[in-house]
């Protein structure tokens, strides 16, 4: 801090006599002093950005801490180091004005993250329960459900949909597997429908035949629509075995 100490002064504070140096300041200390100014600017910038995002509490905490830190650091320690104030040098604790808001905000974020985790777990449990009820209702009505990303090759099938299509549960089901089960006379119509969905069509309704491995033919009625999820287009549908209706 000092290039040379010329003498030692004394000052009485809170009933105690404290000594302090009377120095010739070191000009090189301008660099770390400027770093304090940069630190203050960065924290004020963070406070302003938080305010613009609508995070008033965060902006207020960081803004107040930064102002206290900046005021204490710029006025007291620098005044002493440059010989402007004859006081003993106490500067280390000023950083608490920065550290304490950071610790408070970190603790607040951790508590908020824990609360969000609990809410997500509750919402996930409700969603799972709703999905199970939906699948149970669909199974009771002999309706199978399926979905596939547009331009994707892998299909998701409910257990009932796998039973209707004669595909084992738990195995991966692809579009090629599906094509192999379609009656040859219905494949061109299905290919046209898939192309229309990929080009922007949003809803469909279609009846087709599937041929089992032993040669049995069943009629399937399928309908559905295209939805957006996470920026991607998915086609979702429901299928019903209408063989008995066709025979009637």
Protein backbone atom coordinates (compact mmCIF):
# COMPACT_ATOMS: atom_id res chain seq x y z
CA UNK A 1 0.00 0.00 0.00
CA UNK A 2 2.78 2.45 0.86
CA UNK A 3 6.02 3.41 -0.76
CA UNK A 4 7.33 4.73 2.55
CA UNK A 5 6.04 5.31 6.11
CA UNK A 6 7.28 8.65 7.42
CA UNK A 7 5.85 8.49 10.94
CA UNK A 8 3.19 6.94 13.17
CA UNK A 9 0.14 8.86 14.34
CA UNK A 10 -2.29 8.08 17.11
CA UNK A 11 -6.05 8.55 17.45
CA UNK A 12 -8.50 7.75 20.21
CA UNK A 13 -11.57 5.74 19.12
CA UNK A 14 -14.13 4.16 21.46
CA UNK A 15 -11.88 4.73 24.46
CA UNK A 16 -8.84 3.08 22.85
CA UNK A 17 -5.72 4.74 21.49
CA UNK A 18 -4.99 3.41 18.03
CA UNK A 19 -1.86 3.92 15.98
CA UNK A 20 -1.84 4.48 12.25
CA UNK A 21 0.92 5.04 9.69
CA UNK A 22 1.62 8.41 8.13
CA UNK A 23 2.83 7.18 4.74
CA UNK A 24 3.77 8.08 1.22
CA UNK A 25 1.24 6.10 -0.87
CA UNK A 26 2.36 3.61 -3.53
CA UNK A 27 1.14 4.84 -6.95
CA UNK A 28 0.84 1.23 -8.16
CA UNK A 29 -2.10 0.75 -5.79
CA UNK A 30 -4.22 2.68 -8.27
CA UNK A 31 -4.68 -0.60 -10.19
CA UNK A 32 -6.35 -2.63 -7.38
CA UNK A 33 -8.36 0.44 -6.39
CA UNK A 34 -9.71 0.64 -9.92
CA UNK A 35 -10.59 -3.06 -9.68
CA UNK A 36 -12.86 -2.19 -6.75
CA UNK A 37 -14.60 0.36 -8.95
CA UNK A 38 -15.04 -2.25 -11.71
CA UNK A 39 -16.49 -4.70 -9.17
CA UNK A 40 -19.01 -2.10 -8.04
CA UNK A 41 -20.00 -1.36 -11.65
CA UNK A 42 -20.53 -5.07 -12.38
CA UNK A 43 -22.72 -5.59 -9.32
CA UNK A 44 -24.77 -2.48 -10.10
CA UNK A 45 -25.21 -3.78 -13.66
CA UNK A 46 -26.46 -7.12 -12.27
CA UNK A 47 -28.87 -5.24 -10.03
CA UNK A 48 -30.23 -3.20 -12.95
CA UNK A 49 -30.66 -6.32 -15.11
CA UNK A 50 -32.55 -8.04 -12.30
CA UNK A 51 -34.82 -5.00 -11.97
CA UNK A 52 -35.58 -5.03 -15.70
CA UNK A 53 -36.50 -8.71 -15.50
CA UNK A 54 -38.99 -7.85 -12.78
CA UNK A 55 -36.93 -9.38 -9.94
CA UNK A 56 -37.37 -6.41 -7.63
CA UNK A 57 -36.32 -8.23 -4.45
CA UNK A 58 -33.04 -9.47 -5.96
CA UNK A 59 -32.29 -6.09 -7.48
CA UNK A 60 -32.92 -4.31 -4.18
CA UNK A 61 -30.71 -6.68 -2.18
CA UNK A 62 -27.78 -6.53 -4.56
CA UNK A 63 -28.20 -2.82 -5.19
CA UNK A 64 -28.19 -1.91 -1.50
CA UNK A 65 -25.24 -4.22 -0.75
CA UNK A 66 -23.27 -2.77 -3.65
CA UNK A 67 -23.94 0.82 -2.59
CA UNK A 68 -22.85 0.10 0.99
CA UNK A 69 -19.74 -1.71 -0.20
CA UNK A 70 -18.88 1.01 -2.68
CA UNK A 71 -19.43 3.83 -0.21
CA UNK A 72 -17.41 2.18 2.56
CA UNK A 73 -14.59 1.08 0.27
CA UNK A 74 -14.22 4.30 -1.68
CA UNK A 75 -14.53 6.70 1.24
CA UNK A 76 -12.79 5.08 4.22
CA UNK A 77 -9.92 2.80 3.08
CA UNK A 78 -8.91 4.84 0.06
CA UNK A 79 -9.03 8.06 2.01
CA UNK A 80 -6.71 6.53 4.62
CA UNK A 81 -4.34 5.02 2.06
CA UNK A 82 -3.98 8.31 0.23
CA UNK A 83 -3.54 10.31 3.40
CA UNK A 84 -6.86 12.13 3.23
CA UNK A 85 -8.22 10.77 6.55
CA UNK A 86 -6.03 10.17 9.66
CA UNK A 87 -7.71 6.91 10.71
CA UNK A 88 -6.56 3.35 11.39
CA UNK A 89 -7.07 1.16 8.33
CA UNK A 90 -10.03 -1.25 8.54
CA UNK A 91 -11.14 -2.44 5.11
CA UNK A 92 -11.54 -6.23 5.12
CA UNK A 93 -15.04 -6.37 6.58
CA UNK A 94 -16.48 -4.12 3.87
CA UNK A 95 -16.60 -7.11 1.54
CA UNK A 96 -19.37 -8.47 3.78
CA UNK A 97 -21.71 -5.97 2.11
CA UNK A 98 -21.20 -8.03 -1.06
CA UNK A 99 -20.86 -11.50 0.44
CA UNK A 100 -23.95 -11.38 2.68
CA UNK A 101 -26.41 -10.51 -0.14
CA UNK A 102 -24.87 -13.28 -2.25
CA UNK A 103 -25.26 -15.80 0.60
CA UNK A 104 -28.82 -14.65 1.22
CA UNK A 105 -29.72 -14.94 -2.45
CA UNK A 106 -28.07 -18.36 -2.69
CA UNK A 107 -30.04 -19.59 0.32
CA UNK A 108 -33.25 -18.15 -1.14
CA UNK A 109 -32.61 -19.86 -4.49
CA UNK A 110 -31.94 -23.18 -2.77
CA UNK A 111 -35.21 -22.95 -0.82
CA UNK A 112 -37.10 -21.95 -3.95
CA UNK A 113 -35.53 -24.85 -5.87
CA UNK A 114 -36.59 -27.26 -3.12
CA UNK A 115 -40.16 -25.93 -3.26
CA UNK A 116 -40.22 -26.22 -7.05
CA UNK A 117 -38.94 -29.78 -6.81
CA UNK A 118 -41.79 -30.69 -4.47
CA UNK A 119 -44.32 -29.06 -6.78
CA UNK A 120 -42.88 -30.88 -9.79
CA UNK A 121 -43.05 -34.19 -7.95
CA UNK A 122 -46.69 -33.54 -7.02
CA UNK A 123 -47.52 -32.52 -10.59
CA UNK A 124 -45.71 -35.56 -11.98
CA UNK A 125 -47.66 -37.82 -9.63
CA UNK A 126 -50.96 -36.22 -10.71
CA UNK A 127 -49.97 -36.52 -14.37
CA UNK A 128 -49.05 -40.18 -13.95
CA UNK A 129 -52.36 -40.86 -12.21
CA UNK A 130 -54.28 -39.04 -14.95
CA UNK A 131 -52.44 -40.98 -17.66
CA UNK A 132 -53.18 -44.29 -15.95
CA UNK A 133 -56.87 -43.38 -15.67
CA UNK A 134 -56.94 -42.33 -19.33
CA UNK A 135 -55.32 -45.57 -20.43
CA UNK A 136 -57.72 -47.56 -18.25
CA UNK A 137 -60.72 -45.78 -19.76
CA UNK A 138 -59.37 -46.26 -23.28
CA UNK A 139 -58.73 -49.94 -22.64
CA UNK A 140 -62.25 -50.36 -21.28
CA UNK A 141 -63.59 -48.86 -24.50
CA UNK A 142 -61.28 -51.06 -26.62
CA UNK A 143 -59.46 -47.96 -27.90
CA UNK A 144 -55.72 -48.02 -28.50
CA UNK A 145 -53.58 -44.90 -28.47
CA UNK A 146 -50.37 -44.13 -30.35
CA UNK A 147 -48.07 -41.23 -31.21
CA UNK A 148 -45.13 -40.54 -33.50
CA UNK A 149 -42.96 -37.51 -34.28
CA UNK A 150 -43.57 -36.10 -37.76
CA UNK A 151 -40.79 -37.49 -39.97
CA UNK A 152 -39.91 -39.90 -37.14
CA UNK A 153 -39.72 -43.68 -37.49
CA UNK A 154 -40.49 -44.95 -33.98
CA UNK A 155 -44.06 -45.17 -32.70
CA UNK A 156 -45.29 -45.19 -29.11
CA UNK A 157 -48.17 -47.61 -28.56
CA UNK A 158 -50.41 -48.11 -25.57
CA UNK A 159 -50.87 -51.67 -24.40
CA UNK A 160 -54.31 -51.82 -26.00
CA UNK A 161 -52.98 -50.50 -29.32
CA UNK A 162 -50.34 -53.24 -29.30
CA UNK A 163 -53.06 -55.85 -28.74
CA UNK A 164 -55.17 -54.47 -31.61
CA UNK A 165 -52.24 -54.43 -34.02
CA UNK A 166 -50.95 -57.77 -32.80
CA UNK A 167 -47.59 -56.38 -31.74
CA UNK A 168 -45.88 -57.65 -28.53
CA UNK A 169 -45.88 -55.21 -25.61
CA UNK A 170 -42.49 -53.81 -24.57
CA UNK A 171 -40.82 -54.08 -27.98
CA UNK A 172 -39.92 -51.16 -30.23
CA UNK A 173 -42.47 -50.55 -32.95
CA UNK A 174 -41.38 -48.72 -36.09
CA UNK A 175 -43.19 -47.38 -39.10
CA UNK A 176 -41.71 -50.19 -41.22
CA UNK A 177 -43.20 -52.78 -38.84
CA UNK A 178 -46.55 -51.03 -39.26
CA UNK A 179 -46.31 -51.02 -43.07
CA UNK A 180 -45.65 -54.75 -43.12
CA UNK A 181 -48.97 -55.40 -41.38
CA UNK A 182 -51.03 -53.14 -43.67
CA UNK A 183 -53.07 -54.85 -46.37
CA UNK A 184 -51.36 -54.30 -49.75
CA UNK A 185 -54.46 -52.58 -51.19
CA UNK A 186 -54.40 -49.94 -48.40
CA UNK A 187 -50.69 -49.07 -48.38
CA UNK A 188 -50.85 -46.41 -51.12
CA UNK A 189 -53.71 -44.59 -49.39
CA UNK A 190 -51.81 -44.68 -46.09
CA UNK A 191 -48.64 -43.38 -47.74
CA UNK A 192 -50.63 -40.47 -49.18
CA UNK A 193 -52.09 -39.66 -45.77
CA UNK A 194 -48.65 -39.66 -44.12
CA UNK A 195 -47.30 -37.36 -46.82
CA UNK A 196 -50.19 -34.92 -46.28
CA UNK A 197 -49.50 -34.87 -42.52
CA UNK A 198 -45.82 -34.14 -43.14
CA UNK A 199 -46.79 -31.29 -45.48
CA UNK A 200 -49.01 -29.56 -42.91
CA UNK A 201 -52.34 -31.37 -42.59
CA UNK A 202 -53.51 -31.25 -38.97
CA UNK A 203 -56.27 -33.88 -38.67
CA UNK A 204 -57.03 -37.25 -40.23
CA UNK A 205 -59.55 -40.09 -40.20
CA UNK A 206 -58.81 -43.34 -41.96
CA UNK A 207 -59.99 -46.96 -42.21
CA UNK A 208 -57.58 -49.67 -43.25
CA UNK A 209 -56.97 -53.39 -43.01
CA UNK A 210 -54.16 -55.22 -41.27
CA UNK A 211 -53.06 -58.77 -42.00
CA UNK A 212 -51.90 -60.94 -39.10
CA UNK A 213 -49.01 -63.38 -39.35
CA UNK A 214 -51.46 -66.24 -39.82
CA UNK A 215 -53.29 -64.40 -42.61
CA UNK A 216 -56.34 -63.10 -40.73
CA UNK A 217 -57.64 -59.72 -41.91
CA UNK A 218 -58.97 -57.13 -39.47
CA UNK A 219 -60.43 -53.68 -40.10
CA UNK A 220 -59.05 -50.74 -38.10
CA UNK A 221 -60.53 -47.27 -37.74
CA UNK A 222 -57.94 -44.61 -36.92
CA UNK A 223 -58.31 -40.91 -36.27
CA UNK A 224 -56.13 -38.23 -34.74
CA UNK A 225 -54.44 -34.86 -35.09
CA UNK A 226 -51.05 -33.15 -35.17
CA UNK A 227 -49.84 -31.31 -32.04
CA UNK A 228 -46.80 -29.22 -31.15
CA UNK A 229 -44.55 -30.29 -28.26
CA UNK A 230 -41.18 -28.68 -27.41
CA UNK A 231 -40.99 -27.08 -30.84
CA UNK A 232 -41.60 -30.37 -32.70
CA UNK A 233 -44.72 -31.68 -34.46
CA UNK A 234 -46.22 -34.96 -33.23
CA UNK A 235 -49.05 -36.93 -34.75
CA UNK A 236 -51.24 -38.59 -32.12
CA UNK A 237 -54.09 -40.94 -32.79
CA UNK A 238 -56.52 -43.56 -31.53
CA UNK A 239 -57.42 -46.86 -33.16
CA UNK A 240 -60.44 -49.15 -32.82
CA UNK A 241 -60.94 -52.66 -34.17
CA UNK A 242 -64.10 -52.44 -36.32
CA UNK A 243 -63.90 -55.90 -37.90
CA UNK A 244 -67.20 -57.09 -36.37
CA UNK A 245 -68.92 -53.90 -37.54
CA UNK A 246 -67.64 -54.42 -41.08
CA UNK A 247 -68.77 -58.02 -41.05
CA UNK A 248 -72.21 -56.96 -39.81
